[in-house]
């Protein structure tokens, strides 16, 4: 049975995480948060907001899963959100992402992840402005939301490599750099979709390394390099493949699970 799942990166907000559910439906909510040390003794611990939101959602009979992620760094956050979305979509669940309950940089990562995986991303309006004192802060979070009004963004396609290129790019992200021999090992282990035929014998003979390299270059590396996801350095006869910043963001959007 299809469930409705929301993913909410949260920091110093309460209303923006909870109020939408006076209008929206949800069976389950993922609350993504970061542990961080308090630098000022007068500062409210972000853990307070997490626990208040968790309690209020449970009082609305919504299942809550808290998951730690670095919401201040877009790369690990992209991975966390993408992995959750991919998992829930495999379960045939409907996924929404709230991009307005944390930092501005978090909002960007949330939006990119949602749009790449083609799920709904929404912004919650703070029609009551911002908290002016500690009492309002502890009740509402930074933003005050009186009515559960939100805006669902229109998705657009994010062009990222597909097929074997996604598998390779994620592997390259984990390792930072690889050689063509590493790619050959991935092929031998049948970990690159579309390259399985290279393990088959031809007239009783194994394919030569040069045959493998031609397919690897044409079917994998040339396109990734042309589009700026990787750069290639030569060290003697070996090629060293290094992931670029663009490649890192693409790998994190793809997800690591």
Protein backbone atom coordinates (compact mmCIF):
# COMPACT_ATOMS: atom_id res chain seq x y z
CA UNK A 1 0.00 0.00 0.00
CA UNK A 2 1.40 3.39 -1.02
CA UNK A 3 2.53 5.63 1.81
CA UNK A 4 3.15 9.38 1.79
CA UNK A 5 6.65 10.21 3.00
CA UNK A 6 8.16 13.63 3.76
CA UNK A 7 11.87 14.42 4.06
CA UNK A 8 12.60 17.49 6.21
CA UNK A 9 16.12 18.80 6.92
CA UNK A 10 15.63 20.77 10.13
CA UNK A 11 17.60 23.34 12.11
CA UNK A 12 16.01 26.16 14.16
CA UNK A 13 12.49 25.78 12.77
CA UNK A 14 9.31 24.28 14.25
CA UNK A 15 6.27 25.74 12.46
CA UNK A 16 7.78 25.29 9.01
CA UNK A 17 8.25 21.58 9.70
CA UNK A 18 4.93 20.90 11.45
CA UNK A 19 2.25 23.35 10.21
CA UNK A 20 1.97 21.95 6.64
CA UNK A 21 0.50 18.73 8.06
CA UNK A 22 -2.66 20.55 9.05
CA UNK A 23 -3.34 20.44 5.32
CA UNK A 24 -0.95 17.87 3.84
CA UNK A 25 -1.05 14.13 4.52
CA UNK A 26 1.91 12.08 5.76
CA UNK A 27 2.39 8.53 6.99
CA UNK A 28 6.08 8.98 7.71
CA UNK A 29 8.54 11.86 8.11
CA UNK A 30 12.33 11.79 8.00
CA UNK A 31 13.85 14.56 10.12
CA UNK A 32 17.43 15.23 9.02
CA UNK A 33 19.60 17.02 11.55
CA UNK A 34 23.20 17.79 12.51
CA UNK A 35 24.75 17.64 15.94
CA UNK A 36 26.65 20.83 16.64
CA UNK A 37 28.34 22.41 19.64
CA UNK A 38 26.80 25.56 21.11
CA UNK A 39 29.26 28.46 20.98
CA UNK A 40 27.11 30.87 23.02
CA UNK A 41 25.60 29.89 26.37
CA UNK A 42 22.49 31.93 25.51
CA UNK A 43 21.98 30.04 22.24
CA UNK A 44 19.22 27.42 22.12
CA UNK A 45 20.51 23.94 21.30
CA UNK A 46 19.22 22.80 17.86
CA UNK A 47 18.40 19.48 19.54
CA UNK A 48 15.52 21.29 21.27
CA UNK A 49 13.83 22.09 17.94
CA UNK A 50 14.35 18.53 16.68
CA UNK A 51 12.69 17.04 19.75
CA UNK A 52 9.77 19.50 19.71
CA UNK A 53 9.07 18.81 16.03
CA UNK A 54 9.37 15.07 16.62
CA UNK A 55 6.91 15.23 19.53
CA UNK A 56 4.35 17.33 17.64
CA UNK A 57 4.47 15.08 14.58
CA UNK A 58 3.98 11.99 16.71
CA UNK A 59 0.98 13.69 18.32
CA UNK A 60 -0.41 13.94 14.79
CA UNK A 61 -0.01 10.14 14.44
CA UNK A 62 2.86 10.48 11.97
CA UNK A 63 5.76 8.03 12.12
CA UNK A 64 9.02 9.92 12.65
CA UNK A 65 12.52 8.77 11.69
CA UNK A 66 15.39 10.99 12.82
CA UNK A 67 18.57 10.71 10.78
CA UNK A 68 21.82 12.53 11.36
CA UNK A 69 23.37 14.21 8.31
CA UNK A 70 25.62 17.21 7.76
CA UNK A 71 22.99 19.78 6.85
CA UNK A 72 25.70 22.45 6.63
CA UNK A 73 27.55 20.69 3.78
CA UNK A 74 25.55 20.18 0.57
CA UNK A 75 27.44 17.09 -0.64
CA UNK A 76 26.65 14.68 2.23
CA UNK A 77 23.16 16.14 2.45
CA UNK A 78 22.58 15.48 -1.26
CA UNK A 79 23.61 11.87 -0.64
CA UNK A 80 21.40 11.44 2.41
CA UNK A 81 18.28 12.86 0.79
CA UNK A 82 18.90 11.01 -2.49
CA UNK A 83 19.37 7.69 -0.70
CA UNK A 84 16.13 8.16 1.27
CA UNK A 85 14.18 9.10 -1.86
CA UNK A 86 15.57 6.14 -3.82
CA UNK A 87 14.70 3.75 -0.98
CA UNK A 88 11.14 5.05 -0.57
CA UNK A 89 10.49 5.07 -4.33
CA UNK A 90 11.52 1.40 -4.47
CA UNK A 91 8.79 0.81 -1.89
CA UNK A 92 6.38 2.59 -4.29
CA UNK A 93 5.82 5.42 -1.82
CA UNK A 94 5.03 9.03 -2.67
CA UNK A 95 7.82 11.36 -1.51
CA UNK A 96 7.79 15.08 -0.68
CA UNK A 97 10.78 17.21 0.37
CA UNK A 98 10.40 20.31 2.58
CA UNK A 99 13.12 22.79 1.54
CA UNK A 100 12.23 25.56 4.01
CA UNK A 101 12.92 24.25 7.54
CA UNK A 102 16.66 24.82 7.67
CA UNK A 103 19.53 26.88 6.15
CA UNK A 104 19.53 28.47 2.67
CA UNK A 105 22.29 26.13 1.50
CA UNK A 106 20.23 23.22 2.79
CA UNK A 107 17.30 24.46 0.72
CA UNK A 108 19.42 24.28 -2.43
CA UNK A 109 20.54 20.72 -1.71
CA UNK A 110 16.99 19.66 -0.87
CA UNK A 111 15.62 21.14 -4.08
CA UNK A 112 18.30 19.58 -6.28
CA UNK A 113 17.80 16.12 -4.77
CA UNK A 114 14.02 16.27 -5.12
CA UNK A 115 14.10 17.49 -8.70
CA UNK A 116 16.72 14.98 -9.83
CA UNK A 117 14.68 12.11 -8.41
CA UNK A 118 11.44 13.67 -9.71
CA UNK A 119 9.60 14.01 -6.40
CA UNK A 120 7.70 17.01 -5.05
CA UNK A 121 9.60 19.78 -3.24
CA UNK A 122 7.72 22.50 -1.34
CA UNK A 123 8.28 25.82 0.41
CA UNK A 124 6.32 26.82 3.53
CA UNK A 125 5.36 30.49 3.91
CA UNK A 126 6.03 32.22 7.24
CA UNK A 127 2.97 34.46 7.20
CA UNK A 128 3.63 35.54 10.81
CA UNK A 129 7.14 36.82 10.17
CA UNK A 130 10.04 35.88 12.43
CA UNK A 131 10.25 35.28 16.19
CA UNK A 132 11.07 38.46 18.10
CA UNK A 133 11.89 36.97 21.49
CA UNK A 134 12.88 33.69 23.15
CA UNK A 135 9.30 32.80 24.02
CA UNK A 136 8.24 32.95 20.36
CA UNK A 137 11.42 31.15 19.31
CA UNK A 138 10.77 28.21 21.64
CA UNK A 139 7.14 27.98 20.48
CA UNK A 140 7.49 28.53 16.72
CA UNK A 141 11.16 28.31 15.83
CA UNK A 142 12.76 31.12 13.81
CA UNK A 143 9.70 31.49 11.56
CA UNK A 144 6.08 31.93 12.59
CA UNK A 145 3.50 30.14 10.47
CA UNK A 146 -0.16 30.86 11.25
CA UNK A 147 -1.81 29.17 8.27
CA UNK A 148 -0.46 25.99 6.61
CA UNK A 149 0.26 27.63 3.28
CA UNK A 150 2.94 26.16 1.05
CA UNK A 151 4.07 26.29 -2.55
CA UNK A 152 5.03 23.17 -4.54
CA UNK A 153 7.82 23.96 -6.98
CA UNK A 154 7.64 22.89 -10.60
CA UNK A 155 10.23 20.22 -11.35
CA UNK A 156 12.70 20.44 -14.19
CA UNK A 157 15.04 17.79 -15.53
CA UNK A 158 18.59 17.67 -14.20
CA UNK A 159 20.84 16.07 -16.80
CA UNK A 160 23.18 13.61 -15.09
CA UNK A 161 24.89 10.49 -16.53
CA UNK A 162 22.86 7.28 -16.64
CA UNK A 163 23.54 3.54 -16.68
CA UNK A 164 27.12 2.37 -16.16
CA UNK A 165 28.30 5.98 -15.93
CA UNK A 166 26.34 6.49 -12.71
CA UNK A 167 27.81 3.34 -11.13
CA UNK A 168 31.32 4.35 -12.13
CA UNK A 169 30.90 7.96 -11.01
CA UNK A 170 29.72 6.90 -7.55
CA UNK A 171 32.65 4.48 -7.24
CA UNK A 172 35.05 7.21 -8.35
CA UNK A 173 33.53 9.61 -5.79
CA UNK A 174 34.25 7.11 -3.01
CA UNK A 175 37.85 6.56 -4.12
CA UNK A 176 38.71 10.02 -5.47
CA UNK A 177 40.80 8.59 -8.32
CA UNK A 178 40.93 5.35 -10.27
CA UNK A 179 42.89 3.74 -13.11
CA UNK A 180 41.65 1.93 -16.19
CA UNK A 181 42.73 -1.31 -14.48
CA UNK A 182 40.26 -0.52 -11.69
CA UNK A 183 37.52 -0.16 -14.30
CA UNK A 184 38.49 -3.49 -15.88
CA UNK A 185 38.09 -5.10 -12.44
CA UNK A 186 34.61 -3.57 -12.15
CA UNK A 187 33.74 -5.07 -15.54
CA UNK A 188 35.07 -8.50 -14.53
CA UNK A 189 32.92 -8.32 -11.40
CA UNK A 190 29.87 -7.46 -13.58
CA UNK A 191 29.41 -4.16 -11.75
CA UNK A 192 29.02 -2.02 -14.88
CA UNK A 193 25.67 -2.30 -16.62
CA UNK A 194 26.08 -2.68 -20.38
CA UNK A 195 29.64 -4.00 -20.23
CA UNK A 196 28.80 -7.60 -19.24
CA UNK A 197 29.45 -8.88 -22.77
CA UNK A 198 33.14 -8.03 -22.37
CA UNK A 199 33.44 -11.02 -20.05
CA UNK A 200 32.27 -13.40 -22.78
CA UNK A 201 34.77 -15.42 -24.79
CA UNK A 202 35.20 -14.72 -28.49
CA UNK A 203 35.91 -17.93 -30.33
CA UNK A 204 37.23 -19.46 -27.14
CA UNK A 205 39.56 -16.49 -26.48
CA UNK A 206 39.39 -13.74 -23.89
CA UNK A 207 39.21 -10.16 -25.08
CA UNK A 208 42.51 -8.32 -25.11
CA UNK A 209 43.21 -5.37 -22.83
CA UNK A 210 43.25 -3.09 -25.88
CA UNK A 211 39.72 -4.25 -26.79
CA UNK A 212 38.55 -3.48 -23.28
CA UNK A 213 40.17 -0.05 -23.26
CA UNK A 214 38.48 0.96 -26.53
CA UNK A 215 35.04 0.19 -25.04
CA UNK A 216 35.93 1.85 -21.74
CA UNK A 217 37.04 5.04 -23.47
CA UNK A 218 34.14 5.24 -25.92
CA UNK A 219 31.40 3.94 -23.67
CA UNK A 220 32.43 5.50 -20.37
CA UNK A 221 35.28 7.96 -20.07
CA UNK A 222 34.98 10.10 -23.20
CA UNK A 223 31.45 11.30 -22.39
CA UNK A 224 32.18 11.91 -18.70
CA UNK A 225 35.30 13.90 -19.53
CA UNK A 226 33.56 15.90 -22.27
CA UNK A 227 30.81 16.94 -19.85
CA UNK A 228 33.24 17.89 -17.09
CA UNK A 229 32.53 15.12 -14.57
CA UNK A 230 36.07 13.74 -14.64
CA UNK A 231 39.54 14.71 -15.73
CA UNK A 232 42.18 12.29 -16.97
CA UNK A 233 45.90 12.42 -16.30
CA UNK A 234 48.50 10.15 -17.86
CA UNK A 235 51.18 8.52 -15.77
CA UNK A 236 53.38 6.53 -18.11
CA UNK A 237 51.09 4.14 -19.95
CA UNK A 238 48.41 4.38 -17.30
CA UNK A 239 45.43 6.70 -17.21
CA UNK A 240 44.51 8.21 -13.85
CA UNK A 241 40.85 9.22 -13.71
CA UNK A 242 40.07 11.97 -11.19
CA UNK A 243 36.60 13.19 -10.22
CA UNK A 244 35.87 16.92 -10.59
CA UNK A 245 33.67 19.11 -8.36
CA UNK A 246 30.86 18.73 -10.88
CA UNK A 247 31.34 14.97 -10.72
CA UNK A 248 31.13 15.00 -6.91
CA UNK A 249 27.79 16.80 -6.97
CA UNK A 250 26.47 14.41 -9.62
CA UNK A 251 27.59 11.36 -7.62
CA UNK A 252 25.90 12.66 -4.48
CA UNK A 253 22.68 13.37 -6.36
CA UNK A 254 22.74 9.82 -7.71
CA UNK A 255 23.07 8.48 -4.15
CA UNK A 256 25.44 5.94 -2.69
CA UNK A 257 23.16 3.01 -1.86
